Amino acid sequence: MDRHTFSKTTLLLLLAFISALFLIMIRSLLMTIVMAAIFSALSRPMLRRFQRAFGGRTRLAAGASLAVIFFAIILPWGASWAR
């Protein structure tokens, strides 16, 4: 094996090792990250509608979206846990 091939192989093995360690470290967060991505993708159409309704004002639309999500989803879900 020549030096160039050895360097490439070593680099790929080191990359695989570091990637595996990283995945082991964040294993408990992976489901949270996936759920956040799904939830943000599902709430994007609501944000678009609010942007059209508020004349393109992104910050106002984002605040309204967060308020709807909070009062319609998070607040009742949290109240059910309090019982």
Protein backbone atom coordinates (compact mmCIF):
# COMPACT_ATOMS: atom_id res chain seq x y z
CA MET A 1 0.00 0.00 0.00
CA ASP A 2 1.47 3.35 -0.98
CA ARG A 3 1.54 6.39 1.26
CA HIS A 4 -1.40 8.19 -0.42
CA THR A 5 -3.75 5.21 -0.08
CA PHE A 6 -2.68 4.71 3.52
CA SER A 7 -3.41 8.37 4.32
CA LYS A 8 -6.86 8.18 2.73
CA THR A 9 -7.70 4.96 4.57
CA THR A 10 -6.51 6.38 7.88
CA LEU A 11 -8.54 9.54 7.36
CA LEU A 12 -11.71 7.59 6.52
CA LEU A 13 -11.31 5.33 9.54
CA LEU A 14 -10.73 8.33 11.80
CA LEU A 15 -13.78 10.05 10.35
CA ALA A 16 -15.94 6.96 10.89
CA PHE A 17 -14.68 6.62 14.47
CA ILE A 18 -15.37 10.27 15.33
CA SER A 19 -18.81 10.10 13.69
CA ALA A 20 -19.69 6.99 15.68
CA LEU A 21 -18.57 8.66 18.92
CA PHE A 22 -20.62 11.75 18.08
CA LEU A 23 -23.74 9.67 17.44
CA ILE A 24 -23.23 7.81 20.71
CA MET A 25 -22.92 11.12 22.55
CA ILE A 26 -26.12 12.63 21.10
CA ARG A 27 -28.12 9.40 20.97
CA SER A 28 -30.60 10.64 23.58
CA LEU A 29 -31.13 13.89 21.67
CA LEU A 30 -31.72 12.36 18.25
CA MET A 31 -35.44 11.76 18.78
CA THR A 32 -35.85 15.31 20.03
CA ILE A 33 -34.08 16.69 16.98
CA VAL A 34 -36.18 14.58 14.61
CA MET A 35 -39.44 15.57 16.34
CA ALA A 36 -38.46 19.26 16.22
CA ALA A 37 -37.78 18.99 12.50
CA ILE A 38 -41.13 17.29 11.87
CA PHE A 39 -43.01 19.80 14.03
CA SER A 40 -41.40 22.80 12.33
CA ALA A 41 -42.16 21.37 8.89
CA LEU A 42 -45.79 20.82 9.87
CA SER A 43 -46.19 24.33 11.26
CA ARG A 44 -44.62 26.09 8.27
CA PRO A 45 -47.89 26.36 6.26
CA MET A 46 -49.47 28.21 9.19
CA LEU A 47 -46.54 30.64 9.23
CA ARG A 48 -46.96 31.23 5.48
CA ARG A 49 -50.67 31.98 5.94
CA PHE A 50 -49.92 34.43 8.73
CA GLN A 51 -47.27 36.11 6.59
CA ARG A 52 -49.83 36.66 3.83
CA ALA A 53 -52.42 37.87 6.34
CA PHE A 54 -49.99 40.33 7.97
CA GLY A 55 -48.69 41.72 4.68
CA GLY A 56 -45.32 39.98 4.70
CA ARG A 57 -44.35 40.99 8.24
CA THR A 58 -42.31 37.95 9.21
CA ARG A 59 -41.77 38.75 12.89
CA LEU A 60 -45.44 39.40 13.51
CA ALA A 61 -46.35 36.19 11.66
CA ALA A 62 -43.82 34.21 13.69
CA GLY A 63 -45.18 35.62 16.95
CA ALA A 64 -48.74 34.78 15.95
CA SER A 65 -47.70 31.25 14.96
CA LEU A 66 -45.96 30.73 18.28
CA ALA A 67 -49.00 32.03 20.15
CA VAL A 68 -51.33 29.67 18.29
CA ILE A 69 -49.03 26.72 18.86
CA PHE A 70 -48.63 27.59 22.54
CA PHE A 71 -52.32 28.11 23.28
CA ALA A 72 -53.65 25.28 21.09
CA ILE A 73 -51.07 22.55 21.68
CA ILE A 74 -48.55 23.15 24.43
CA LEU A 75 -50.79 24.73 27.08
CA PRO A 76 -53.47 21.97 27.03
CA TRP A 77 -50.81 19.27 26.90
CA GLY A 78 -49.06 20.74 29.92
CA ALA A 79 -52.33 21.11 31.80
CA SER A 80 -53.07 17.42 31.28
CA TRP A 81 -49.73 16.57 32.91
CA ALA A 82 -50.55 18.67 35.96
CA ARG A 83 -53.49 16.45 36.93
